[in-house]
N, C-alpha and C. Protein backbone atom coordinates (compact mmCIF):
# COMPACT_ATOMS: atom_id res chain seq x y z
N MET A 1 20.47 -27.23 -21.74
CA MET A 1 20.42 -28.65 -22.02
C MET A 1 20.13 -28.90 -23.49
N VAL A 2 19.25 -28.12 -24.06
CA VAL A 2 18.91 -28.28 -25.47
C VAL A 2 20.12 -27.94 -26.33
N GLU A 3 20.85 -26.90 -25.93
CA GLU A 3 22.06 -26.52 -26.67
C GLU A 3 23.11 -27.64 -26.64
N LEU A 4 23.24 -28.29 -25.49
CA LEU A 4 24.18 -29.41 -25.37
C LEU A 4 23.77 -30.55 -26.30
N LEU A 5 22.49 -30.88 -26.33
CA LEU A 5 22.03 -31.95 -27.22
C LEU A 5 22.24 -31.59 -28.69
N LYS A 6 22.03 -30.33 -29.03
CA LYS A 6 22.28 -29.90 -30.41
C LYS A 6 23.74 -30.07 -30.79
N ARG A 7 24.64 -29.71 -29.87
CA ARG A 7 26.07 -29.87 -30.16
C ARG A 7 26.46 -31.33 -30.26
N VAL A 8 25.90 -32.17 -29.38
CA VAL A 8 26.21 -33.60 -29.43
C VAL A 8 25.76 -34.20 -30.76
N PHE A 9 24.53 -33.88 -31.18
CA PHE A 9 24.04 -34.42 -32.45
C PHE A 9 24.76 -33.82 -33.65
N LYS A 10 25.24 -32.60 -33.51
CA LYS A 10 25.98 -31.97 -34.61
C LYS A 10 27.31 -32.68 -34.85
N TYR A 11 28.02 -32.97 -33.78
CA TYR A 11 29.35 -33.56 -33.92
C TYR A 11 29.35 -35.08 -33.97
N TYR A 12 28.37 -35.73 -33.36
CA TYR A 12 28.39 -37.18 -33.26
C TYR A 12 27.19 -37.85 -33.92
N SER A 13 26.55 -37.19 -34.88
CA SER A 13 25.36 -37.76 -35.50
C SER A 13 25.67 -39.06 -36.24
N VAL A 14 26.78 -39.11 -36.94
CA VAL A 14 27.16 -40.34 -37.66
C VAL A 14 27.46 -41.46 -36.68
N ASP A 15 28.18 -41.15 -35.60
CA ASP A 15 28.50 -42.17 -34.60
C ASP A 15 27.25 -42.72 -33.93
N ILE A 16 26.32 -41.84 -33.60
CA ILE A 16 25.07 -42.27 -32.98
C ILE A 16 24.26 -43.13 -33.95
N ALA A 17 24.22 -42.74 -35.20
CA ALA A 17 23.48 -43.52 -36.19
C ALA A 17 24.09 -44.91 -36.38
N ILE A 18 25.41 -44.99 -36.47
CA ILE A 18 26.08 -46.28 -36.64
C ILE A 18 25.87 -47.16 -35.41
N ALA A 19 25.99 -46.58 -34.23
CA ALA A 19 25.77 -47.35 -33.00
C ALA A 19 24.34 -47.88 -32.93
N THR A 20 23.38 -47.07 -33.32
CA THR A 20 21.98 -47.50 -33.31
C THR A 20 21.74 -48.63 -34.29
N VAL A 21 22.28 -48.51 -35.49
CA VAL A 21 22.10 -49.55 -36.50
C VAL A 21 22.72 -50.87 -36.03
N PHE A 22 23.94 -50.82 -35.50
CA PHE A 22 24.59 -52.05 -35.07
C PHE A 22 23.94 -52.64 -33.82
N LEU A 23 23.36 -51.79 -32.98
CA LEU A 23 22.63 -52.32 -31.84
C LEU A 23 21.38 -53.06 -32.29
N ILE A 24 20.69 -52.53 -33.27
CA ILE A 24 19.51 -53.22 -33.82
C ILE A 24 19.92 -54.53 -34.48
N ILE A 25 21.02 -54.52 -35.23
CA ILE A 25 21.51 -55.75 -35.86
C ILE A 25 21.89 -56.78 -34.80
N ALA A 26 22.52 -56.32 -33.72
CA ALA A 26 22.89 -57.25 -32.64
C ALA A 26 21.65 -57.86 -32.01
N PHE A 27 20.61 -57.06 -31.80
CA PHE A 27 19.38 -57.60 -31.22
C PHE A 27 18.69 -58.58 -32.16
N LEU A 28 18.82 -58.39 -33.47
CA LEU A 28 18.19 -59.31 -34.41
C LEU A 28 18.87 -60.67 -34.44
N PHE A 29 20.19 -60.69 -34.25
CA PHE A 29 20.93 -61.94 -34.43
C PHE A 29 21.31 -62.64 -33.13
N VAL A 30 21.00 -62.04 -32.00
CA VAL A 30 21.36 -62.68 -30.74
C VAL A 30 20.17 -63.54 -30.27
N TYR A 31 20.48 -64.62 -29.62
CA TYR A 31 19.43 -65.55 -29.18
C TYR A 31 18.72 -65.04 -27.92
N ASP A 32 19.47 -64.46 -27.00
CA ASP A 32 18.91 -64.06 -25.71
C ASP A 32 19.02 -62.54 -25.56
N GLN A 33 18.01 -61.81 -26.04
CA GLN A 33 18.06 -60.34 -26.03
C GLN A 33 18.15 -59.74 -24.63
N PRO A 34 17.43 -60.25 -23.62
CA PRO A 34 17.56 -59.64 -22.28
C PRO A 34 18.97 -59.73 -21.71
N THR A 35 19.68 -60.80 -22.02
CA THR A 35 21.04 -60.93 -21.53
C THR A 35 21.95 -59.90 -22.19
N LEU A 36 21.79 -59.71 -23.49
CA LEU A 36 22.58 -58.69 -24.20
C LEU A 36 22.27 -57.30 -23.67
N LEU A 37 21.01 -57.00 -23.47
CA LEU A 37 20.61 -55.70 -22.94
C LEU A 37 21.17 -55.50 -21.54
N SER A 38 21.15 -56.53 -20.72
CA SER A 38 21.70 -56.45 -19.37
C SER A 38 23.20 -56.20 -19.40
N ALA A 39 23.91 -56.88 -20.29
CA ALA A 39 25.36 -56.69 -20.39
C ALA A 39 25.70 -55.28 -20.86
N ILE A 40 24.97 -54.77 -21.85
CA ILE A 40 25.22 -53.41 -22.34
C ILE A 40 24.92 -52.40 -21.24
N ALA A 41 23.80 -52.57 -20.53
CA ALA A 41 23.45 -51.64 -19.46
C ALA A 41 24.48 -51.68 -18.34
N ARG A 42 24.96 -52.87 -18.00
CA ARG A 42 25.96 -53.00 -16.93
C ARG A 42 27.26 -52.30 -17.31
N LYS A 43 27.70 -52.48 -18.54
CA LYS A 43 28.96 -51.87 -18.96
C LYS A 43 28.84 -50.35 -19.08
N VAL A 44 27.73 -49.86 -19.60
CA VAL A 44 27.53 -48.41 -19.70
C VAL A 44 27.42 -47.81 -18.31
N GLY A 45 26.71 -48.48 -17.42
CA GLY A 45 26.60 -47.98 -16.04
C GLY A 45 27.92 -47.97 -15.32
N LEU A 46 28.72 -49.01 -15.50
CA LEU A 46 30.03 -49.07 -14.87
C LEU A 46 30.96 -48.00 -15.42
N ALA A 47 30.94 -47.81 -16.72
CA ALA A 47 31.78 -46.77 -17.33
C ALA A 47 31.35 -45.39 -16.87
N SER A 48 30.06 -45.14 -16.83
CA SER A 48 29.57 -43.83 -16.40
C SER A 48 29.89 -43.56 -14.94
N ALA A 49 29.69 -44.55 -14.10
CA ALA A 49 30.01 -44.37 -12.68
C ALA A 49 31.50 -44.11 -12.48
N GLY A 50 32.33 -44.81 -13.22
CA GLY A 50 33.78 -44.59 -13.11
C GLY A 50 34.19 -43.21 -13.58
N LEU A 51 33.58 -42.72 -14.65
CA LEU A 51 33.91 -41.38 -15.14
C LEU A 51 33.47 -40.31 -14.15
N VAL A 52 32.29 -40.49 -13.55
CA VAL A 52 31.83 -39.53 -12.55
C VAL A 52 32.75 -39.56 -11.34
N TYR A 53 33.13 -40.74 -10.88
CA TYR A 53 34.05 -40.86 -9.75
C TYR A 53 35.40 -40.22 -10.08
N TYR A 54 35.90 -40.45 -11.27
CA TYR A 54 37.18 -39.88 -11.68
C TYR A 54 37.11 -38.35 -11.71
N TYR A 55 36.02 -37.81 -12.25
CA TYR A 55 35.87 -36.36 -12.32
C TYR A 55 35.78 -35.75 -10.92
N ILE A 56 35.00 -36.36 -10.03
CA ILE A 56 34.84 -35.81 -8.68
C ILE A 56 36.15 -35.85 -7.92
N THR A 57 36.86 -36.97 -7.97
CA THR A 57 38.13 -37.05 -7.24
C THR A 57 39.18 -36.12 -7.82
N ARG A 58 39.19 -35.97 -9.12
CA ARG A 58 40.14 -35.04 -9.74
C ARG A 58 39.81 -33.61 -9.34
N TYR A 59 38.54 -33.28 -9.31
CA TYR A 59 38.12 -31.92 -8.94
C TYR A 59 38.44 -31.64 -7.47
N ILE A 60 38.26 -32.62 -6.59
CA ILE A 60 38.57 -32.43 -5.17
C ILE A 60 40.08 -32.28 -4.96
N LYS A 61 40.88 -33.10 -5.63
CA LYS A 61 42.33 -33.06 -5.44
C LYS A 61 42.97 -31.85 -6.09
N ILE A 62 42.57 -31.54 -7.31
CA ILE A 62 43.28 -30.53 -8.10
C ILE A 62 42.47 -29.26 -8.29
N GLY A 63 41.16 -29.39 -8.39
CA GLY A 63 40.32 -28.24 -8.70
C GLY A 63 40.11 -28.16 -10.21
N VAL A 64 39.77 -26.99 -10.66
CA VAL A 64 39.52 -26.79 -12.08
C VAL A 64 40.86 -26.75 -12.82
N ILE A 65 40.96 -27.53 -13.87
CA ILE A 65 42.21 -27.60 -14.64
C ILE A 65 41.96 -27.01 -16.01
N ASN A 66 42.86 -26.15 -16.43
CA ASN A 66 42.81 -25.62 -17.78
C ASN A 66 43.70 -26.51 -18.65
N TRP A 67 43.09 -27.49 -19.30
CA TRP A 67 43.86 -28.47 -20.06
C TRP A 67 44.46 -27.81 -21.29
N GLU A 68 45.76 -27.94 -21.40
CA GLU A 68 46.44 -27.42 -22.58
C GLU A 68 47.15 -28.55 -23.29
N HIS A 69 47.85 -28.25 -24.33
CA HIS A 69 48.25 -29.24 -25.34
C HIS A 69 48.79 -30.57 -24.84
N PRO A 70 49.83 -30.69 -24.06
CA PRO A 70 50.26 -32.06 -23.75
C PRO A 70 49.28 -32.77 -22.82
N TYR A 71 48.60 -32.02 -21.97
CA TYR A 71 47.74 -32.65 -20.98
C TYR A 71 46.40 -33.09 -21.54
N ASP A 72 45.87 -32.39 -22.52
CA ASP A 72 44.58 -32.81 -23.05
C ASP A 72 44.69 -34.14 -23.78
N LYS A 73 45.81 -34.40 -24.42
CA LYS A 73 46.00 -35.69 -25.10
C LYS A 73 46.19 -36.82 -24.08
N ILE A 74 46.93 -36.56 -23.03
CA ILE A 74 47.13 -37.57 -21.98
C ILE A 74 45.81 -37.88 -21.30
N TYR A 75 45.04 -36.84 -20.99
CA TYR A 75 43.74 -37.01 -20.35
C TYR A 75 42.80 -37.82 -21.25
N ALA A 76 42.76 -37.49 -22.53
CA ALA A 76 41.89 -38.21 -23.47
C ALA A 76 42.31 -39.67 -23.59
N LEU A 77 43.61 -39.94 -23.63
CA LEU A 77 44.09 -41.33 -23.71
C LEU A 77 43.77 -42.11 -22.44
N ALA A 78 43.87 -41.45 -21.28
CA ALA A 78 43.54 -42.12 -20.02
C ALA A 78 42.06 -42.49 -19.97
N ILE A 79 41.20 -41.56 -20.40
CA ILE A 79 39.76 -41.85 -20.43
C ILE A 79 39.46 -42.96 -21.43
N LEU A 80 40.09 -42.92 -22.60
CA LEU A 80 39.88 -43.96 -23.61
C LEU A 80 40.35 -45.32 -23.10
N LEU A 81 41.47 -45.35 -22.43
CA LEU A 81 41.98 -46.60 -21.86
C LEU A 81 41.02 -47.14 -20.80
N TYR A 82 40.51 -46.26 -19.95
CA TYR A 82 39.56 -46.70 -18.92
C TYR A 82 38.30 -47.29 -19.56
N ILE A 83 37.74 -46.62 -20.54
CA ILE A 83 36.53 -47.12 -21.21
C ILE A 83 36.81 -48.45 -21.90
N GLY A 84 37.99 -48.58 -22.52
CA GLY A 84 38.35 -49.84 -23.16
C GLY A 84 38.46 -50.98 -22.17
N ILE A 85 39.05 -50.72 -21.01
CA ILE A 85 39.17 -51.75 -19.98
C ILE A 85 37.80 -52.16 -19.44
N VAL A 86 36.94 -51.17 -19.22
CA VAL A 86 35.60 -51.49 -18.72
C VAL A 86 34.84 -52.36 -19.72
N PHE A 87 34.89 -52.01 -21.00
CA PHE A 87 34.13 -52.78 -21.97
C PHE A 87 34.79 -54.11 -22.29
N ALA A 88 36.09 -54.24 -22.08
CA ALA A 88 36.75 -55.52 -22.32
C ALA A 88 36.53 -56.50 -21.17
N PHE A 89 36.62 -56.00 -19.94
CA PHE A 89 36.57 -56.90 -18.79
C PHE A 89 35.33 -56.72 -17.92
N GLY A 90 34.51 -55.71 -18.20
CA GLY A 90 33.35 -55.41 -17.32
C GLY A 90 32.24 -56.32 -17.61
C-alpha cells in the first residue's frame, strides 16, 4: 500500500497539488460550503462506484485482460468518457 501511494504521488504530485489549491479556492469563494462538499462527495462516490461496478462486471464476463496497444487507448477513453458524464450530469 505504501508503494502504491509513493507511485501515485510520484506521477500525480502536480495534479494533486493543483486540485487541492483549486478546492481551497472554491471553498473560499462559495457561499454555501456544505452544499459544495456534498456535491463533490456525491460525484466522487458515484464515479468510484461506477468504476468498481465496471471492473467487476468486466472481470466476470471476460476475466483478466492483457491490454495491448489499440485496446488500452479505447479502454482509457471509455473510462474518461464515463467520468466526464458523471461529473457533468451527476
